[in-house]
Amino acid sequence: MMLRRPSQQQLVAVLRATLPLLLAAFLGGLLALALQPKPPSQTIIQVVTPTVLKAAATEVLPAPAPTPLPATPTIIVFPEDTISLELVTLRRDLEFTVGSLHLLRATIRIQNARIAHHDLQTSNVEAQLDLAQADLDAAFPLVSDEVRAAIQGLNDQINYLRDDLAIRPETIDSRLADLTEQVLVLANRDLP
């Protein structure tokens, strides 16, 4: 498709249609400039400097009276970076709380393993014990040293449980119940 050159009549028609709009825009701009408030004149800032009084050569000025020493200020000593200390304490408490939540999740997993054992679903018992160990591992870096040692013992107990699952299934239920109580005790130990 080729573009054609507009005829003179078309140009005049377009010019007649747009000329009033262009004229209105131009006059509106001039009116806006005319009605715009004038910028404030520059403010003059006066700086007052003290003047030195010169005494007459024959006049002797009295010596200034000594100013009394200020009272000794009371010094209050705060621990260094009180706010930082509070933040560290809050962060530690938060980590302990998150670690306790992981321990509670491990408790739920152990209870699910106990239910699966009652339903004779050995593969589900092993899967729940794996998830419980994962929760114990997630809690490990977030808890106190005392609880860390106990978590290592719990992981060992879960491994022994898994080994005895096929050999002595009659002892599994009571051992899972004991394991649940031990994890609950640990979960409550680190709560702030």
C-alpha atoms as a PDB file:
ATOM      1  CA  MET A   1       0.000   0.000   0.000  1.00  0.00           C
ATOM      2  CA  MET A   2       1.435   3.310  -1.066  1.00  0.00           C
ATOM      3  CA  LEU A   3       0.893   6.514   0.754  1.00  0.00           C
ATOM      4  CA  ARG A   4      -0.603   9.293  -1.303  1.00  0.00           C
ATOM      5  CA  ARG A   5       0.177  12.886  -0.943  1.00  0.00           C
ATOM      6  CA  PRO A   6      -2.824  14.722   0.539  1.00  0.00           C
ATOM      7  CA  SER A   7      -4.539  17.208  -1.670  1.00  0.00           C
ATOM      8  CA  GLN A   8      -4.632  20.918  -0.930  1.00  0.00           C
ATOM      9  CA  GLN A   9      -8.281  20.699   0.112  1.00  0.00           C
ATOM     10  CA  GLN A  10      -7.498  17.974   2.630  1.00  0.00           C
ATOM     11  CA  LEU A  11      -4.649  20.034   4.100  1.00  0.00           C
ATOM     12  CA  VAL A  12      -6.881  23.079   4.463  1.00  0.00           C
ATOM     13  CA  ALA A  13      -9.580  20.966   6.151  1.00  0.00           C
ATOM     14  CA  VAL A  14      -7.099  19.511   8.647  1.00  0.00           C
ATOM     15  CA  LEU A  15      -5.615  22.944   9.309  1.00  0.00           C
ATOM     16  CA  ARG A  16      -9.066  24.456   9.911  1.00  0.00           C
ATOM     17  CA  ALA A  17      -9.899  21.634  12.351  1.00  0.00           C
ATOM     18  CA  THR A  18      -6.667  21.834  14.336  1.00  0.00           C
ATOM     19  CA  LEU A  19      -6.024  25.588  14.277  1.00  0.00           C
ATOM     20  CA  PRO A  20      -8.627  26.451  16.953  1.00  0.00           C
ATOM     21  CA  LEU A  21      -7.247  23.703  19.185  1.00  0.00           C
ATOM     22  CA  LEU A  22      -3.650  24.875  18.763  1.00  0.00           C
ATOM     23  CA  LEU A  23      -4.684  28.479  19.370  1.00  0.00           C
ATOM     24  CA  ALA A  24      -6.593  27.506  22.537  1.00  0.00           C
ATOM     25  CA  ALA A  25      -3.598  25.536  23.862  1.00  0.00           C
ATOM     26  CA  PHE A  26      -1.215  28.427  23.169  1.00  0.00           C
ATOM     27  CA  LEU A  27      -3.488  31.020  24.808  1.00  0.00           C
ATOM     28  CA  GLY A  28      -4.087  28.689  27.786  1.00  0.00           C
ATOM     29  CA  GLY A  29      -0.347  28.373  28.323  1.00  0.00           C
ATOM     30  CA  LEU A  30       0.095  32.166  28.180  1.00  0.00           C
ATOM     31  CA  LEU A  31      -2.773  32.655  30.618  1.00  0.00           C
ATOM     32  CA  ALA A  32      -1.282  30.094  33.026  1.00  0.00           C
ATOM     33  CA  LEU A  33       2.073  31.889  32.928  1.00  0.00           C
ATOM     34  CA  ALA A  34       0.419  35.254  33.495  1.00  0.00           C
ATOM     35  CA  LEU A  35      -1.587  34.049  36.468  1.00  0.00           C
ATOM     36  CA  GLN A  36       1.275  32.179  38.091  1.00  0.00           C
ATOM     37  CA  PRO A  37       2.337  33.811  41.366  1.00  0.00           C
ATOM     38  CA  LYS A  38       5.667  35.523  41.299  1.00  0.00           C
ATOM     39  CA  PRO A  39       8.494  33.738  43.044  1.00  0.00           C
ATOM     40  CA  PRO A  40       9.393  35.237  46.390  1.00  0.00           C
ATOM     41  CA  SER A  41      12.190  37.732  46.315  1.00  0.00           C
ATOM     42  CA  GLN A  42      15.468  36.674  47.732  1.00  0.00           C
ATOM     43  CA  THR A  43      15.483  36.671  51.494  1.00  0.00           C
ATOM     44  CA  ILE A  44      18.237  38.668  53.064  1.00  0.00           C
ATOM     45  CA  ILE A  45      19.806  36.967  56.024  1.00  0.00           C
ATOM     46  CA  GLN A  46      21.433  39.239  58.510  1.00  0.00           C
ATOM     47  CA  VAL A  47      24.216  37.858  60.618  1.00  0.00           C
ATOM     48  CA  VAL A  48      24.786  39.700  63.838  1.00  0.00           C
ATOM     49  CA  THR A  49      28.300  39.479  65.117  1.00  0.00           C
ATOM     50  CA  PRO A  50      29.237  40.594  68.576  1.00  0.00           C
ATOM     51  CA  THR A  51      31.202  43.780  68.739  1.00  0.00           C
ATOM     52  CA  VAL A  52      34.143  44.179  71.022  1.00  0.00           C
ATOM     53  CA  LEU A  53      33.899  47.117  73.363  1.00  0.00           C
ATOM     54  CA  LYS A  54      37.113  48.921  73.784  1.00  0.00           C
ATOM     55  CA  ALA A  55      37.655  50.536  77.104  1.00  0.00           C
ATOM     56  CA  ALA A  56      39.317  53.827  77.416  1.00  0.00           C
ATOM     57  CA  ALA A  57      43.010  53.599  78.107  1.00  0.00           C
ATOM     58  CA  THR A  58      42.650  55.207  81.525  1.00  0.00           C
ATOM     59  CA  GLU A  59      39.780  52.994  82.675  1.00  0.00           C
ATOM     60  CA  VAL A  60      40.687  49.703  84.371  1.00  0.00           C
ATOM     61  CA  LEU A  61      38.183  46.923  83.997  1.00  0.00           C
ATOM     62  CA  PRO A  62      37.578  44.632  86.969  1.00  0.00           C
ATOM     63  CA  ALA A  63      38.789  41.077  86.657  1.00  0.00           C
ATOM     64  CA  PRO A  64      36.001  38.712  85.771  1.00  0.00           C
ATOM     65  CA  ALA A  65      34.695  36.613  88.611  1.00  0.00           C
ATOM     66  CA  PRO A  66      35.645  32.973  88.306  1.00  0.00           C
ATOM     67  CA  THR A  67      32.775  30.800  87.211  1.00  0.00           C
ATOM     68  CA  PRO A  68      31.896  28.017  89.592  1.00  0.00           C
ATOM     69  CA  LEU A  69      32.743  24.511  88.491  1.00  0.00           C
ATOM     70  CA  PRO A  70      29.755  22.515  87.353  1.00  0.00           C
ATOM     71  CA  ALA A  71      28.475  19.847  89.697  1.00  0.00           C
ATOM     72  CA  THR A  72      29.951  16.436  89.094  1.00  0.00           C
ATOM     73  CA  PRO A  73      27.608  14.643  86.711  1.00  0.00           C
ATOM     74  CA  THR A  74      26.150  11.363  87.811  1.00  0.00           C
ATOM     75  CA  ILE A  75      27.519   8.671  85.573  1.00  0.00           C
ATOM     76  CA  ILE A  76      25.210   5.806  84.741  1.00  0.00           C
ATOM     77  CA  VAL A  77      27.039   2.832  83.349  1.00  0.00           C
ATOM     78  CA  PHE A  78      25.090   0.607  80.969  1.00  0.00           C
ATOM     79  CA  PRO A  79      26.406  -2.645  79.588  1.00  0.00           C
ATOM     80  CA  GLU A  80      28.027  -2.255  76.206  1.00  0.00           C
ATOM     81  CA  ASP A  81      25.529  -2.276  73.401  1.00  0.00           C
ATOM     82  CA  THR A  82      22.440  -2.948  75.483  1.00  0.00           C
ATOM     83  CA  ILE A  83      20.308  -3.100  72.369  1.00  0.00           C
ATOM     84  CA  SER A  84      22.676  -5.541  70.678  1.00  0.00           C
ATOM     85  CA  LEU A  85      22.617  -7.710  73.788  1.00  0.00           C
ATOM     86  CA  GLU A  86      18.825  -7.718  73.742  1.00  0.00           C
ATOM     87  CA  LEU A  87      18.816  -8.639  70.042  1.00  0.00           C
ATOM     88  CA  VAL A  88      21.219 -11.500  70.625  1.00  0.00           C
ATOM     89  CA  THR A  89      19.058 -12.750  73.492  1.00  0.00           C
ATOM     90  CA  LEU A  90      15.902 -12.535  71.400  1.00  0.00           C
ATOM     91  CA  ARG A  91      17.574 -14.300  68.489  1.00  0.00           C
ATOM     92  CA  ARG A  92      18.772 -17.093  70.775  1.00  0.00           C
ATOM     93  CA  ASP A  93      15.286 -17.468  72.286  1.00  0.00           C
ATOM     94  CA  LEU A  94      13.794 -17.586  68.792  1.00  0.00           C
ATOM     95  CA  GLU A  95      16.240 -20.285  67.731  1.00  0.00           C
ATOM     96  CA  PHE A  96      15.420 -22.317  70.850  1.00  0.00           C
ATOM     97  CA  THR A  97      11.710 -21.937  70.107  1.00  0.00           C
ATOM     98  CA  VAL A  98      12.141 -23.044  66.489  1.00  0.00           C
ATOM     99  CA  GLY A  99      14.241 -25.972  67.698  1.00  0.00           C
ATOM    100  CA  SER A 100      11.444 -26.910  70.113  1.00  0.00           C
ATOM    101  CA  LEU A 101       8.966 -26.767  67.238  1.00  0.00           C
ATOM    102  CA  HIS A 102      11.115 -29.206  65.270  1.00  0.00           C
ATOM    103  CA  LEU A 103      11.198 -31.479  68.303  1.00  0.00           C
ATOM    104  CA  LEU A 104       7.405 -31.306  68.542  1.00  0.00           C
ATOM    105  CA  ARG A 105       7.171 -32.252  64.863  1.00  0.00           C
ATOM    106  CA  ALA A 106       9.433 -35.220  65.607  1.00  0.00           C
ATOM    107  CA  THR A 107       6.996 -36.194  68.379  1.00  0.00           C
ATOM    108  CA  ILE A 108       4.117 -36.140  65.903  1.00  0.00           C
ATOM    109  CA  ARG A 109       6.123 -38.299  63.487  1.00  0.00           C
ATOM    110  CA  ILE A 110       6.871 -40.829  66.220  1.00  0.00           C
ATOM    111  CA  GLN A 111       3.173 -40.930  67.151  1.00  0.00           C
ATOM    112  CA  ASN A 112       2.327 -41.508  63.469  1.00  0.00           C
ATOM    113  CA  ALA A 113       4.862 -44.358  63.430  1.00  0.00           C
ATOM    114  CA  ARG A 114       3.150 -45.849  66.490  1.00  0.00           C
ATOM    115  CA  ILE A 115      -0.247 -45.662  64.750  1.00  0.00           C
ATOM    116  CA  ALA A 116       1.241 -47.252  61.622  1.00  0.00           C
ATOM    117  CA  HIS A 117       2.717 -50.020  63.793  1.00  0.00           C
ATOM    118  CA  HIS A 118      -0.748 -50.735  65.227  1.00  0.00           C
ATOM    119  CA  ASP A 119      -2.057 -50.974  61.648  1.00  0.00           C
ATOM    120  CA  LEU A 120       0.861 -53.314  60.736  1.00  0.00           C
ATOM    121  CA  GLN A 121       2.231 -50.943  58.097  1.00  0.00           C
ATOM    122  CA  THR A 122       5.957 -51.569  58.497  1.00  0.00           C
ATOM    123  CA  SER A 123       7.002 -49.431  55.539  1.00  0.00           C
ATOM    124  CA  ASN A 124       5.001 -46.485  56.899  1.00  0.00           C
ATOM    125  CA  VAL A 125       6.619 -46.949  60.323  1.00  0.00           C
ATOM    126  CA  GLU A 126      10.063 -46.707  58.741  1.00  0.00           C
ATOM    127  CA  ALA A 127       9.049 -43.662  56.690  1.00  0.00           C
ATOM    128  CA  GLN A 128       7.707 -41.874  59.794  1.00  0.00           C
ATOM    129  CA  LEU A 129      10.878 -42.709  61.723  1.00  0.00           C
ATOM    130  CA  ASP A 130      12.948 -41.260  58.855  1.00  0.00           C
ATOM    131  CA  LEU A 131      10.888 -38.063  59.024  1.00  0.00           C
ATOM    132  CA  ALA A 132      11.306 -37.947  62.815  1.00  0.00           C
ATOM    133  CA  GLN A 133      15.075 -38.199  62.401  1.00  0.00           C
ATOM    134  CA  ALA A 134      14.979 -35.403  59.826  1.00  0.00           C
ATOM    135  CA  ASP A 135      13.105 -33.220  62.325  1.00  0.00           C
ATOM    136  CA  LEU A 136      15.610 -34.086  65.039  1.00  0.00           C
ATOM    137  CA  ASP A 137      18.443 -33.170  62.668  1.00  0.00           C
ATOM    138  CA  ALA A 138      16.728 -29.852  61.870  1.00  0.00           C
ATOM    139  CA  ALA A 139      16.419 -29.099  65.602  1.00  0.00           C
ATOM    140  CA  PHE A 140      20.044 -30.008  66.355  1.00  0.00           C
ATOM    141  CA  PRO A 141      21.745 -26.661  65.452  1.00  0.00           C
ATOM    142  CA  LEU A 142      18.981 -24.613  67.085  1.00  0.00           C
ATOM    143  CA  VAL A 143      18.917 -26.059  70.604  1.00  0.00           C
ATOM    144  CA  SER A 144      21.188 -25.862  73.633  1.00  0.00           C
ATOM    145  CA  ASP A 145      24.208 -28.121  74.044  1.00  0.00           C
ATOM    146  CA  GLU A 146      22.423 -30.171  76.696  1.00  0.00           C
ATOM    147  CA  VAL A 147      19.581 -30.959  74.296  1.00  0.00           C
ATOM    148  CA  ARG A 148      22.014 -31.673  71.444  1.00  0.00           C
ATOM    149  CA  ALA A 149      23.558 -34.552  73.380  1.00  0.00           C
ATOM    150  CA  ALA A 150      20.087 -35.957  74.053  1.00  0.00           C
ATOM    151  CA  ILE A 151      19.147 -35.643  70.341  1.00  0.00           C
ATOM    152  CA  GLN A 152      22.144 -37.790  69.409  1.00  0.00           C
ATOM    153  CA  GLY A 153      20.915 -40.417  71.877  1.00  0.00           C
ATOM    154  CA  LEU A 154      17.401 -40.229  70.396  1.00  0.00           C
ATOM    155  CA  ASN A 155      18.764 -40.779  66.882  1.00  0.00           C
ATOM    156  CA  ASP A 156      20.584 -43.859  68.143  1.00  0.00           C
ATOM    157  CA  GLN A 157      17.369 -45.154  69.754  1.00  0.00           C
ATOM    158  CA  ILE A 158      15.479 -44.648  66.479  1.00  0.00           C
ATOM    159  CA  ASN A 159      18.166 -46.597  64.604  1.00  0.00           C
ATOM    160  CA  TYR A 160      17.914 -49.470  67.123  1.00  0.00           C
ATOM    161  CA  LEU A 161      14.116 -49.340  66.816  1.00  0.00           C
ATOM    162  CA  ARG A 162      14.346 -49.594  63.062  1.00  0.00           C
ATOM    163  CA  ASP A 163      16.670 -52.603  63.380  1.00  0.00           C
ATOM    164  CA  ASP A 164      14.324 -54.347  65.858  1.00  0.00           C
ATOM    165  CA  LEU A 165      11.201 -53.666  63.806  1.00  0.00           C
ATOM    166  CA  ALA A 166      11.362 -57.007  62.002  1.00  0.00           C
ATOM    167  CA  ILE A 167      13.038 -58.954  64.824  1.00  0.00           C
ATOM    168  CA  ARG A 168      11.033 -57.936  67.926  1.00  0.00           C
ATOM    169  CA  PRO A 169       7.861 -56.142  66.829  1.00  0.00           C
ATOM    170  CA  GLU A 170       6.189 -56.729  70.219  1.00  0.00           C
ATOM    171  CA  THR A 171       8.502 -54.226  71.972  1.00  0.00           C
ATOM    172  CA  ILE A 172       8.155 -51.475  69.373  1.00  0.00           C
ATOM    173  CA  ASP A 173       4.936 -49.939  70.735  1.00  0.00           C
ATOM    174  CA  SER A 174       6.254 -49.357  74.247  1.00  0.00           C
ATOM    175  CA  ARG A 175       9.582 -48.114  72.929  1.00  0.00           C
ATOM    176  CA  LEU A 176       7.834 -45.631  70.616  1.00  0.00           C
ATOM    177  CA  ALA A 177       5.761 -44.391  73.587  1.00  0.00           C
ATOM    178  CA  ASP A 178       8.952 -43.910  75.661  1.00  0.00           C
ATOM    179  CA  LEU A 179      10.624 -42.148  72.750  1.00  0.00           C
ATOM    180  CA  THR A 180       7.648 -39.789  72.414  1.00  0.00           C
ATOM    181  CA  GLU A 181       7.878 -38.819  76.091  1.00  0.00           C
ATOM    182  CA  GLN A 182      11.630 -38.216  75.862  1.00  0.00           C
ATOM    183  CA  VAL A 183      11.246 -35.928  72.844  1.00  0.00           C
ATOM    184  CA  LEU A 184       8.423 -34.001  74.561  1.00  0.00           C
ATOM    185  CA  VAL A 185      10.603 -33.431  77.600  1.00  0.00           C
ATOM    186  CA  LEU A 186      13.381 -32.102  75.365  1.00  0.00           C
ATOM    187  CA  ALA A 187      10.973 -29.849  73.473  1.00  0.00           C
ATOM    188  CA  ASN A 188       9.886 -28.179  76.711  1.00  0.00           C
ATOM    189  CA  ARG A 189      13.395 -27.831  78.110  1.00  0.00           C
ATOM    190  CA  ASP A 190      14.592 -25.037  75.778  1.00  0.00           C
ATOM    191  CA  LEU A 191      11.429 -22.977  75.649  1.00  0.00           C
ATOM    192  CA  PRO A 192      12.087 -19.434  76.917  1.00  0.00           C
END
